[in-house]
Amino acid sequence: MPTTHFTSDTHLHHRLMVILRGFVPADTTKDEVTEEDLARHDESIIDAWNAVVGPADTVWHLGDLTLQRPAAIAHLIARLNGDIRLVLGNHDRAHPLFGSRSVLAHAELHDVGIPYATMAARVTLRESEHNRIPVLLSHFPYAGDHTFEDRFEQWRLRDVGEILLHGHTHSDRILTEAGTSAEEGSVAEAGTSAAAGTSAAAGTGAEAGTGAEAGDSVDTAPDETTEAEVRTAEPPRRGTEWDRQIHVGWEAWGRPVSEDEIVELITSRRTGRR
């Protein structure tokens, strides 16, 4: 039976992520990252993705698929199993942050096999035969960032009490706490973590999206945090309030996470299990 999965922040072919994820020594500069290093990073993502996602599955990618032009990594996208639905992040060139360049990137997404790109979506998860759990999908959490201050406020959904699946924080924490910025376990400290599993169906969403310019292959994005800022951020201690935010990013799971796993996580919080 086809399964639905959720993930974010794969950052395919992104030099800074090659460094922060430990594929090269920590003192390597972005200019020193080679094509071979980038290939090892990308292959690890493809392998982990295809280990849990089948060709008939659906994957909601909650942003920062790649900072590259979609056409430039078409050969990588073609190797990822499943029907990919993209909720745009600040590093996706189809995001309006990229201005007029986003129009070309949006068209390129369609050409490389990702015709569905949106700023946010609302889907339902199957809890049982007679019950479904509504959740919102966005790249950004209601609150929290991997810097000291929450950025991109204009692109964040307003918290009206619904469960939110998100990316962006680059934390290894799955449950995002209220007001957590530059948190412990963020990509500032490097590394990834994983869990196990697979699962079922999804719902609906809104249309959107616009992304980049021919010949534009920079490795930075509008308002991007610098490498030095990411590396030196000191994580403050926070409380343990869940606040209905579930992080599905690569640093938290190391692979796409299934619908069943998300449902189990939600129901365990409702019943007080950990």
Foldseek 3Di string as FASTA:
>chain_A
DAFEWEEEQLAQQFQLQLLLQPLDDVPDDSVRQDPVSSVVSLVLQLVQAPVFHAQAYEYEYAENPHLFQLVVCLVSLVSGHHQYAYQYDQSQQQDCLVPQFQAVSQVSCVVSRHVHYHNKFWKWFDPDPPDTAIEIEHQDECAEALAQHDPPNVSYDHCPPHAYEHAHRQALDFQDDPHFYNAPRHSLNHHAAADDDARHDMGITDGDTGGRDPPDGDSDGVPDDDSVRSNPRDHDDDDDHRSNYGYRYCRNHVYIGTSVVVSVVVVCVVVVHD
